[in-house]
Amino acid sequence: MSDEHEAAGGLDDELSLPKEFIHLIASEANEICEKESKKTIAAEHVISALQALGFENYLSEVQEVFKEHKKLQKDRDKKSSRLENSGMTEEELLRQQELLFEQSPGYQTVKDLKETTPIELSKELEISTEEALDILQHCQKSHTIVRSVSASEALQRDLDRCPIFTSCEAIDKLFGGHGVPIGKITEFCGAPGIGKTQLGIQLSINVQIPKNLSGPGGEAIYIDTEGSFIAQRAQEIATATVQSLSEKSTEPLIDVETILSRIHYFRIHDYIELLAVVKILDDYLKEHSNVKLVVIDSIAFHFRQNFSDMALRTRLLNGLAQDLTKLVDSFELAVVILNQMTTKFGVNSGTILTDKPVLVPALGESWSHQCNNRVILYWRDDIRYAHLVKSSNLQEGTVPYKITSQGVRDVLEPEYVPHEESHESINRKRMREQFQGEEQELSKRHLVETE
């Protein structure tokens, strides 16, 4: 159990508050505590966190809980005072504590405290909630070891990771020729209808490609915030993928039903649920250790609505990104985030400041720094294009792709015009070639007539 969970004071055992929201309250209370330069989280910090997150409905319950704890603390102080005045020696006092410890369930190792809340510990030891929280936080810190690796080991680890094919060779080449990398956060941004969800489903299926066919051989978590995931569509893409793989291998491969069973689907209805699900993924991934991909479709949907406090939104998004980064590092998986586009005015175009509206990825500049790779998907002359605009280790590039009944696929010539030439320049080129052809034909006729 994380120290953030303890910071909420074990309210999940005392209140009707959903258990998964405890992490959100804890994170907010911790930030408030740090701003006030306090060492431990007090009751007022938790109450302020509830107000900041919009959980006013639980305020009265929380206040009752802390009132009860205050009463328990007074009783403990009275018992302590009576014990001090009992005239017992230090040895007798220690022996009395040992007897109490032996008579109770007790805690003998740090592991015993792992699933204990501050309220449970405070009742067991007859100490204040703040003291219990401080004990649990120290245990958590002492149990966490930060290990270093050499640059050589880090390089080898990256080489050993198996990327996720996109089923579009051109997009795979954007990522060095292998596909979406594991161990990084990759964001795909685009307008509605460009194929973001199709790409997310395709990756959720391709992450299951067996290792003997150069695939990760893993499973996927699909977090759907918009309700755009369609199981029937996933079945169609899975069927096409199985057929394609069967042509490459004579060995028995996974079937469509198995593929669908290995996509763990979460339907999210608001930003609080999204934050809560990401918080519990740590425990979920420990139980499903074969998961190699987490897809969020989409990140912006709930954060673009009902947010008057932009500072709070930024803090929540930054916290979400930090949680995702920890998951990537801890569980050796890929996170793919699908993002929407928004209209922005006064954007720099080269060295010129233009007042024309420009489509840019949603959630602002601060969010753009949270992902290792960013790809913008867009239309041009009825062809879909993927443009890698940001990467920590790859060059920018633009490639075409298409969405078919089988999923994401390559666009082959003459289906598209090379991106370097504009539609207007291509038309001029064709007219020039046509004019030159007609001119040559007229010259031939003139020679024949002359002869």
Protein backbone atom coordinates (compact mmCIF):
# COMPACT_ATOMS: atom_id res chain seq x y z
CA MET A 1 0.00 0.00 0.00
CA SER A 2 1.41 3.39 -0.96
CA ASP A 3 1.98 6.27 1.42
CA GLU A 4 -0.58 8.26 -0.58
CA HIS A 5 -3.20 5.71 0.42
CA GLU A 6 -2.32 6.00 4.07
CA ALA A 7 -2.43 9.78 3.80
CA ALA A 8 -6.19 9.63 3.42
CA GLY A 9 -6.37 8.24 6.92
CA GLY A 10 -8.00 4.93 6.06
CA LEU A 11 -11.26 6.67 5.23
CA ASP A 12 -12.29 3.79 2.97
CA ASP A 13 -12.95 1.71 6.10
CA GLU A 14 -14.93 4.43 7.85
CA LEU A 15 -16.93 6.13 5.07
CA SER A 16 -19.14 5.37 2.10
CA LEU A 17 -16.46 6.99 -0.06
CA PRO A 18 -15.42 4.66 -2.93
CA LYS A 19 -12.13 2.99 -2.09
CA GLU A 20 -10.42 3.91 -5.36
CA PHE A 21 -10.92 7.65 -4.67
CA ILE A 22 -8.77 7.49 -1.54
CA HIS A 23 -5.61 7.90 -3.64
CA LEU A 24 -6.92 11.13 -5.16
CA ILE A 25 -7.75 12.60 -1.77
CA ALA A 26 -4.35 11.51 -0.44
CA SER A 27 -2.43 13.11 -3.31
CA GLU A 28 -4.30 16.39 -2.94
CA ALA A 29 -3.91 16.38 0.86
CA ASN A 30 -0.20 15.67 0.49
CA GLU A 31 0.24 18.66 -1.83
CA ILE A 32 -1.61 20.93 0.60
CA CYS A 33 0.55 19.63 3.45
CA GLU A 34 3.78 20.29 1.51
CA LYS A 35 2.68 23.83 0.63
CA GLU A 36 2.25 24.53 4.34
CA SER A 37 5.65 22.94 5.05
CA LYS A 38 4.10 20.45 7.45
CA LYS A 39 5.74 17.12 8.19
CA THR A 40 2.55 15.11 8.61
CA ILE A 41 -0.92 15.31 7.13
CA ALA A 42 -3.53 16.56 9.56
CA ALA A 43 -7.33 16.39 9.51
CA GLU A 44 -7.65 19.88 8.03
CA HIS A 45 -5.49 18.85 5.07
CA VAL A 46 -7.80 15.96 4.24
CA ILE A 47 -10.85 18.21 4.56
CA SER A 48 -9.27 20.82 2.26
CA ALA A 49 -8.49 18.07 -0.24
CA LEU A 50 -12.12 16.92 -0.23
CA GLN A 51 -13.25 20.47 -0.94
CA ALA A 52 -10.70 20.94 -3.75
CA LEU A 53 -11.79 17.71 -5.47
CA GLY A 54 -15.49 18.42 -5.15
CA PHE A 55 -16.26 15.75 -2.54
CA GLU A 56 -18.27 18.10 -0.30
CA ASN A 57 -20.92 15.41 0.21
CA TYR A 58 -18.47 13.49 2.41
CA LEU A 59 -17.34 16.43 4.58
CA SER A 60 -19.77 15.79 7.42
CA GLU A 61 -18.84 12.10 7.55
CA VAL A 62 -15.12 12.91 7.56
CA GLN A 63 -15.54 15.44 10.34
CA GLU A 64 -17.38 12.82 12.42
CA VAL A 65 -14.55 10.34 11.88
CA PHE A 66 -11.92 12.82 13.03
CA LYS A 67 -14.10 13.77 15.99
CA GLU A 68 -14.15 10.10 17.02
CA HIS A 69 -10.36 9.93 16.65
CA LYS A 70 -9.95 12.97 18.84
CA LYS A 71 -11.98 11.21 21.51
CA LEU A 72 -9.82 8.08 21.18
CA GLN A 73 -6.71 10.23 21.56
CA LYS A 74 -8.02 11.72 24.79
CA ASP A 75 -8.74 8.23 26.16
CA ARG A 76 -5.23 7.14 25.21
CA ASP A 77 -3.73 10.15 26.98
CA LYS A 78 -5.68 9.29 30.12
CA LYS A 79 -4.48 5.67 30.03
CA SER A 80 -0.92 6.84 29.48
CA SER A 81 -1.18 9.22 32.42
CA ARG A 82 -2.52 6.47 34.70
CA LEU A 83 0.29 4.16 33.60
CA GLU A 84 2.93 6.79 34.36
CA ASN A 85 1.47 7.33 37.80
CA SER A 86 1.17 3.61 38.53
CA GLY A 87 4.69 3.47 39.98
CA MET A 88 5.88 0.70 37.63
CA THR A 89 9.57 0.50 36.80
CA GLU A 90 10.82 0.81 33.23
CA GLU A 91 11.27 -3.00 33.00
CA GLU A 92 7.75 -3.60 34.28
CA LEU A 93 6.44 -1.04 31.80
CA LEU A 94 8.24 -2.78 28.91
CA ARG A 95 6.96 -6.17 30.08
CA GLN A 96 3.43 -4.82 30.20
CA GLN A 97 3.79 -3.60 26.63
CA GLU A 98 5.11 -7.02 25.54
CA LEU A 99 2.13 -8.76 27.13
CA LEU A 100 -0.24 -6.39 25.37
CA PHE A 101 1.57 -7.07 22.10
CA GLU A 102 1.38 -10.85 22.56
CA GLN A 103 -2.32 -10.71 23.40
CA SER A 104 -3.15 -8.71 20.26
CA PRO A 105 -2.78 -9.79 16.61
CA GLY A 106 0.34 -7.61 16.50
CA TYR A 107 2.77 -6.59 13.76
CA GLN A 108 6.21 -8.16 13.58
CA THR A 109 7.53 -7.07 10.16
CA VAL A 110 7.11 -4.18 7.74
CA LYS A 111 5.17 -6.57 5.52
CA ASP A 112 2.56 -6.95 8.29
CA LEU A 113 1.83 -3.24 7.99
CA LYS A 114 1.44 -3.28 4.22
CA GLU A 115 -2.34 -3.65 4.20
CA THR A 116 -2.95 -1.68 7.40
CA THR A 117 -4.63 1.73 7.45
CA PRO A 118 -3.72 4.52 9.91
CA ILE A 119 -7.08 4.16 11.64
CA GLU A 120 -6.56 0.43 12.24
CA LEU A 121 -3.02 1.01 13.50
CA SER A 122 -4.07 3.88 15.75
CA LYS A 123 -6.79 1.74 17.34
CA GLU A 124 -4.45 -1.23 17.71
CA LEU A 125 -1.64 0.76 19.35
CA GLU A 126 -3.90 3.39 20.94
CA ILE A 127 -2.05 6.26 19.31
CA SER A 128 -3.24 9.20 17.25
CA THR A 129 -4.02 8.86 13.56
CA GLU A 130 -1.20 11.29 12.75
CA GLU A 131 1.32 9.14 14.64
CA ALA A 132 0.05 5.99 12.92
CA LEU A 133 0.31 7.67 9.55
CA ASP A 134 3.87 8.77 10.30
CA ILE A 135 4.81 5.17 11.21
CA LEU A 136 3.33 3.78 8.00
CA GLN A 137 5.03 6.43 5.87
CA HIS A 138 8.42 5.63 7.41
CA CYS A 139 7.84 1.92 6.83
CA GLN A 140 6.93 2.57 3.22
CA LYS A 141 10.04 4.69 2.63
CA SER A 142 12.34 2.19 4.31
CA HIS A 143 10.85 -0.60 2.21
CA THR A 144 11.43 1.25 -1.07
CA ILE A 145 14.88 0.82 -2.59
CA VAL A 146 16.01 2.88 -5.58
CA ARG A 147 18.39 0.85 -7.71
CA SER A 148 20.77 2.13 -10.35
CA VAL A 149 21.78 0.47 -13.61
CA SER A 150 24.74 1.14 -15.88
CA ALA A 151 24.29 2.82 -19.26
CA SER A 152 25.29 -0.47 -20.87
CA GLU A 153 22.52 -2.31 -19.00
CA ALA A 154 20.00 0.38 -19.92
CA LEU A 155 20.97 0.08 -23.59
CA GLN A 156 20.69 -3.70 -23.54
CA ARG A 157 17.31 -3.46 -21.83
CA ASP A 158 16.05 -1.20 -24.62
CA LEU A 159 17.38 -3.59 -27.26
CA ASP A 160 15.72 -6.57 -25.59
CA ARG A 161 12.31 -4.92 -25.55
CA CYS A 162 10.00 -6.07 -28.34
CA PRO A 163 8.05 -3.18 -29.94
CA ILE A 164 4.39 -3.43 -30.94
CA PHE A 165 3.69 -3.59 -34.68
CA THR A 166 1.00 -1.23 -35.99
CA SER A 167 0.22 -3.38 -39.08
CA CYS A 168 1.29 -0.36 -41.13
CA GLU A 169 4.92 -0.68 -42.19
CA ALA A 170 5.16 3.05 -42.86
CA ILE A 171 4.14 3.97 -39.29
CA ASP A 172 6.46 1.29 -37.93
CA LYS A 173 9.32 3.00 -39.80
CA LEU A 174 8.52 6.25 -38.00
CA PHE A 175 9.49 4.40 -34.81
CA GLY A 176 12.73 3.02 -36.21
CA GLY A 177 11.16 0.28 -38.31
CA HIS A 178 9.78 -1.90 -35.52
CA GLY A 179 6.63 -0.27 -34.15
CA VAL A 180 5.47 1.49 -31.00
CA PRO A 181 8.22 1.11 -28.38
CA ILE A 182 7.75 -0.58 -25.02
CA GLY A 183 9.11 1.37 -22.07
CA LYS A 184 7.83 4.73 -23.34
CA ILE A 185 4.68 6.85 -23.43
CA THR A 186 3.50 7.47 -27.00
CA GLU A 187 0.73 9.92 -27.88
CA PHE A 188 -1.36 9.92 -31.07
CA CYS A 189 -3.29 13.16 -31.65
CA GLY A 190 -5.92 13.73 -34.30
CA ALA A 191 -9.34 15.04 -35.26
CA PRO A 192 -12.48 12.86 -35.05
CA GLY A 193 -12.64 10.22 -37.77
CA ILE A 194 -8.90 10.09 -38.38
CA GLY A 195 -8.62 6.57 -36.94
CA LYS A 196 -7.26 7.01 -33.40
CA THR A 197 -9.52 4.38 -31.87
CA GLN A 198 -8.86 2.01 -34.78
CA LEU A 199 -5.14 2.37 -34.10
CA GLY A 200 -5.66 1.79 -30.38
CA ILE A 201 -7.61 -1.41 -31.04
CA GLN A 202 -5.03 -2.57 -33.59
CA LEU A 203 -2.22 -2.12 -31.06
CA SER A 204 -4.25 -3.90 -28.36
CA ILE A 205 -4.43 -6.89 -30.69
CA ASN A 206 -0.89 -6.73 -32.08
CA VAL A 207 0.65 -6.65 -28.60
CA GLN A 208 -0.52 -10.27 -28.38
CA ILE A 209 1.48 -11.42 -31.42
CA PRO A 210 3.52 -14.44 -30.21
CA LYS A 211 7.21 -14.04 -29.50
CA ASN A 212 8.12 -16.62 -32.16
CA LEU A 213 6.71 -14.13 -34.70
CA SER A 214 8.71 -11.23 -33.20
CA GLY A 215 5.81 -9.95 -31.15
CA PRO A 216 5.64 -9.06 -27.43
CA GLY A 217 3.28 -11.94 -26.64
CA GLY A 218 1.49 -9.85 -24.03
CA GLU A 219 -1.94 -8.50 -23.12
CA ALA A 220 -3.55 -5.06 -23.21
CA ILE A 221 -5.52 -2.73 -20.96
CA TYR A 222 -7.94 -0.45 -22.84
CA ILE A 223 -9.25 2.55 -20.88
CA ASP A 224 -12.20 4.01 -22.80
CA THR A 225 -13.31 7.50 -21.75
CA GLU A 226 -15.55 8.23 -24.75
CA GLY A 227 -17.38 4.96 -25.31
CA SER A 228 -15.79 4.63 -28.74
CA PHE A 229 -14.45 1.10 -28.25
CA ILE A 230 -16.63 -1.35 -30.20
CA ALA A 231 -16.15 -5.04 -29.43
CA GLN A 232 -17.47 -6.09 -32.83
CA ARG A 233 -14.86 -3.92 -34.54
CA ALA A 234 -12.16 -5.44 -32.34
CA GLN A 235 -13.38 -8.88 -33.41
CA GLU A 236 -13.07 -7.91 -37.11
CA ILE A 237 -9.51 -6.64 -36.68
CA ALA A 238 -8.57 -9.68 -34.58
CA THR A 239 -9.92 -12.02 -37.27
CA ALA A 240 -7.87 -10.27 -39.96
CA THR A 241 -4.78 -10.38 -37.74
CA VAL A 242 -5.13 -14.11 -37.07
CA GLN A 243 -5.50 -14.78 -40.80
CA SER A 244 -2.41 -12.69 -41.55
CA LEU A 245 -0.35 -14.47 -38.88
CA SER A 246 -1.45 -17.92 -40.06
CA GLU A 247 0.18 -17.18 -43.42
CA LYS A 248 3.52 -16.59 -41.69
CA SER A 249 3.59 -19.61 -39.40
CA THR A 250 2.57 -23.25 -39.59
CA GLU A 251 2.47 -23.51 -35.80
CA PRO A 252 -0.85 -23.19 -33.93
CA LEU A 253 -1.54 -19.55 -33.08
CA ILE A 254 -3.97 -17.81 -30.73
CA ASP A 255 -7.57 -17.59 -31.87
CA VAL A 256 -9.90 -14.62 -32.00
CA GLU A 257 -11.67 -15.49 -28.75
CA THR A 258 -8.35 -15.66 -26.89
CA ILE A 259 -7.28 -12.31 -28.32
CA LEU A 260 -10.48 -10.61 -27.16
CA SER A 261 -10.19 -12.19 -23.70
CA ARG A 262 -6.74 -10.63 -23.29
CA ILE A 263 -7.96 -7.07 -23.80
CA HIS A 264 -8.89 -5.80 -20.31
CA TYR A 265 -11.51 -3.11 -20.88
CA PHE A 266 -12.31 -0.21 -18.50
CA ARG A 267 -15.20 2.17 -19.26
CA ILE A 268 -14.62 5.59 -17.68
CA HIS A 269 -17.34 8.22 -17.18
CA ASP A 270 -15.49 11.19 -15.64
CA TYR A 271 -12.00 12.43 -14.86
CA ILE A 272 -12.17 11.20 -11.26
CA GLU A 273 -12.74 7.64 -12.43
CA LEU A 274 -9.83 7.98 -14.87
CA LEU A 275 -7.45 9.15 -12.15
CA ALA A 276 -8.70 6.42 -9.81
CA VAL A 277 -8.26 3.64 -12.38
CA VAL A 278 -4.71 4.73 -13.15
CA LYS A 279 -3.99 4.73 -9.40
CA ILE A 280 -5.15 1.14 -8.97
CA LEU A 281 -3.30 -0.11 -12.07
CA ASP A 282 -0.22 -0.80 -9.94
CA ASP A 283 -2.07 -3.52 -8.02
CA TYR A 284 -3.94 -4.68 -11.11
CA LEU A 285 -0.72 -5.16 -13.08
CA LYS A 286 0.77 -7.23 -10.27
CA GLU A 287 -2.11 -9.65 -10.76
CA HIS A 288 -1.92 -9.43 -14.59
CA SER A 289 1.84 -9.42 -15.10
CA ASN A 290 1.62 -10.23 -18.82
CA VAL A 291 0.10 -6.86 -19.72
CA LYS A 292 2.47 -5.02 -22.08
CA LEU A 293 0.24 -2.18 -23.28
CA VAL A 294 -2.06 0.40 -21.69
CA VAL A 295 -4.25 2.45 -24.06
CA ILE A 296 -6.13 5.57 -22.90
CA ASP A 297 -8.81 6.63 -25.41
CA SER A 298 -8.87 9.56 -24.99
CA ILE A 299 -6.96 11.57 -22.43
CA ALA A 300 -8.65 14.92 -23.11
CA PHE A 301 -12.33 13.97 -23.21
CA HIS A 302 -13.20 14.57 -19.54
CA PHE A 303 -10.48 17.13 -18.83
CA ARG A 304 -11.94 19.55 -21.39
CA GLN A 305 -15.26 19.75 -19.56
CA ASN A 306 -16.34 21.25 -16.23
CA PHE A 307 -12.92 22.62 -15.33
CA SER A 308 -12.95 26.23 -14.19
CA ASP A 309 -9.75 25.77 -12.18
CA MET A 310 -7.03 25.30 -14.80
CA ALA A 311 -4.32 25.10 -12.13
CA LEU A 312 -6.07 22.10 -10.58
CA ARG A 313 -6.42 20.50 -14.00
CA THR A 314 -2.71 20.93 -14.66
CA ARG A 315 -1.81 19.40 -11.28
CA LEU A 316 -4.08 16.42 -11.88
CA LEU A 317 -2.70 15.85 -15.38
CA ASN A 318 0.88 16.09 -14.15
CA GLY A 319 0.11 13.60 -11.39
CA LEU A 320 -1.53 11.29 -13.93
CA ALA A 321 1.54 11.49 -16.18
CA GLN A 322 3.83 10.69 -13.24
CA ASP A 323 1.73 7.64 -12.36
CA LEU A 324 1.88 6.42 -15.97
CA THR A 325 5.65 6.92 -16.08
CA LYS A 326 6.04 4.81 -12.93
CA LEU A 327 3.95 2.06 -14.51
CA VAL A 328 6.07 2.13 -17.67
CA ASP A 329 9.28 1.79 -15.67
CA SER A 330 8.02 -0.72 -13.11
CA PHE A 331 6.21 -3.14 -15.41
CA GLU A 332 8.13 -2.85 -18.70
CA LEU A 333 5.12 -1.89 -20.79
CA ALA A 334 4.05 0.70 -23.36
CA VAL A 335 1.49 3.41 -22.71
CA VAL A 336 -0.38 4.73 -25.76
CA ILE A 337 -2.42 7.89 -25.21
CA LEU A 338 -4.97 9.04 -27.77
CA ASN A 339 -5.59 12.78 -27.73
CA GLN A 340 -7.99 15.18 -29.41
CA MET A 341 -7.23 18.38 -31.30
CA THR A 342 -8.33 21.90 -30.43
CA THR A 343 -8.37 25.24 -32.25
CA LYS A 344 -5.83 27.84 -31.20
CA PHE A 345 -5.30 31.42 -32.35
CA GLY A 346 -2.11 33.47 -32.47
CA VAL A 347 0.20 30.53 -33.12
CA ASN A 348 3.72 31.00 -34.45
CA SER A 349 4.08 29.70 -37.99
CA GLY A 350 7.82 29.71 -38.55
CA THR A 351 8.82 33.26 -37.62
CA ILE A 352 5.41 34.78 -38.34
CA LEU A 353 2.66 35.22 -35.76
CA THR A 354 -0.63 34.38 -37.45
CA ASP A 355 -4.17 35.17 -36.29
CA LYS A 356 -5.60 32.30 -38.30
CA PRO A 357 -7.04 29.38 -36.33
CA VAL A 358 -4.68 26.42 -36.12
CA LEU A 359 -5.44 22.87 -34.98
CA VAL A 360 -3.15 21.81 -32.13
CA PRO A 361 -3.22 18.87 -29.67
CA ALA A 362 -5.52 19.42 -26.70
CA LEU A 363 -4.53 20.01 -23.04
CA GLY A 364 -1.96 22.71 -23.68
CA GLU A 365 1.79 23.13 -23.70
CA SER A 366 2.54 21.60 -20.29
CA TRP A 367 0.94 18.29 -21.26
CA SER A 368 3.01 18.10 -24.46
CA HIS A 369 6.14 17.50 -22.37
CA GLN A 370 4.72 14.45 -20.60
CA CYS A 371 5.05 11.97 -23.50
CA ASN A 372 8.22 10.50 -25.01
CA ASN A 373 6.77 10.38 -28.52
CA ARG A 374 4.02 12.45 -30.13
CA VAL A 375 2.43 11.66 -33.50
CA ILE A 376 -0.16 13.92 -35.13
CA LEU A 377 -2.67 12.24 -37.43
CA TYR A 378 -4.31 14.38 -40.13
CA TRP A 379 -5.98 14.41 -43.54
CA ARG A 380 -4.39 15.66 -46.76
CA ASP A 381 -6.03 15.22 -50.17
CA ASP A 382 -8.30 12.47 -48.80
CA ILE A 383 -5.29 10.53 -47.50
CA ARG A 384 -4.53 9.98 -43.81
CA TYR A 385 -1.02 10.94 -42.68
CA ALA A 386 0.95 10.30 -39.49
CA HIS A 387 3.53 12.95 -38.59
CA LEU A 388 6.06 12.26 -35.83
CA VAL A 389 6.58 15.72 -34.36
CA LYS A 390 8.38 14.85 -31.13
CA SER A 391 10.61 12.02 -29.99
CA SER A 392 13.47 11.59 -27.56
CA ASN A 393 15.48 9.45 -29.97
CA LEU A 394 13.84 9.51 -33.42
CA GLN A 395 13.81 11.94 -36.34
CA GLU A 396 10.68 13.73 -37.48
CA GLY A 397 8.87 12.15 -40.38
CA THR A 398 5.56 11.90 -42.19
CA VAL A 399 3.99 8.79 -43.71
CA PRO A 400 0.58 7.86 -45.15
CA TYR A 401 -1.70 5.17 -43.76
CA LYS A 402 -5.25 3.98 -44.24
CA ILE A 403 -8.05 2.39 -42.23
CA THR A 404 -9.63 -0.67 -43.83
CA SER A 405 -12.06 -3.35 -42.71
CA GLN A 406 -8.98 -5.31 -41.58
CA GLY A 407 -7.57 -2.47 -39.48
CA VAL A 408 -4.63 -0.10 -39.94
CA ARG A 409 -2.76 -0.71 -43.20
CA ASP A 410 -0.21 0.80 -45.61
CA VAL A 411 -1.15 3.11 -48.46
CA LEU A 412 0.46 1.94 -51.69
CA GLU A 413 1.14 4.01 -54.79
CA PRO A 414 -0.64 5.26 -56.81
CA GLU A 415 -3.11 5.69 -53.93
CA TYR A 416 -1.35 8.75 -52.59
CA VAL A 417 0.78 11.70 -53.63
CA PRO A 418 4.20 12.02 -51.93
CA HIS A 419 3.89 14.45 -49.06
CA GLU A 420 6.77 16.64 -50.28
CA GLU A 421 4.77 17.84 -53.32
CA SER A 422 1.62 19.87 -52.84
CA HIS A 423 -1.59 19.12 -54.67
CA GLU A 424 -1.21 22.35 -56.67
CA SER A 425 2.34 21.55 -57.75
CA ILE A 426 1.27 18.06 -58.85
CA ASN A 427 -1.50 19.54 -61.01
CA ARG A 428 0.98 21.96 -62.59
CA LYS A 429 3.37 19.08 -63.25
CA ARG A 430 0.66 17.03 -64.93
CA MET A 431 -0.42 20.00 -67.09
CA ARG A 432 3.19 20.61 -68.10
CA GLU A 433 3.68 16.97 -69.05
CA GLN A 434 0.42 16.99 -71.01
CA PHE A 435 1.42 20.20 -72.80
CA GLN A 436 4.85 18.78 -73.64
CA GLY A 437 3.21 15.63 -75.02
CA GLU A 438 0.85 17.65 -77.22
CA GLU A 439 3.76 19.80 -78.39
CA GLN A 440 5.75 16.71 -79.39
CA GLU A 441 2.74 15.29 -81.24
CA LEU A 442 2.32 18.55 -83.19
CA SER A 443 6.02 18.53 -84.11
CA LYS A 444 5.73 14.98 -85.45
CA ARG A 445 2.70 15.93 -87.53
CA HIS A 446 4.52 18.99 -88.88
CA LEU A 447 7.48 16.84 -89.96
CA VAL A 448 5.19 14.36 -91.71
CA GLU A 449 3.35 17.13 -93.56
CA THR A 450 6.67 18.75 -94.59
CA GLU A 451 8.00 15.48 -95.97
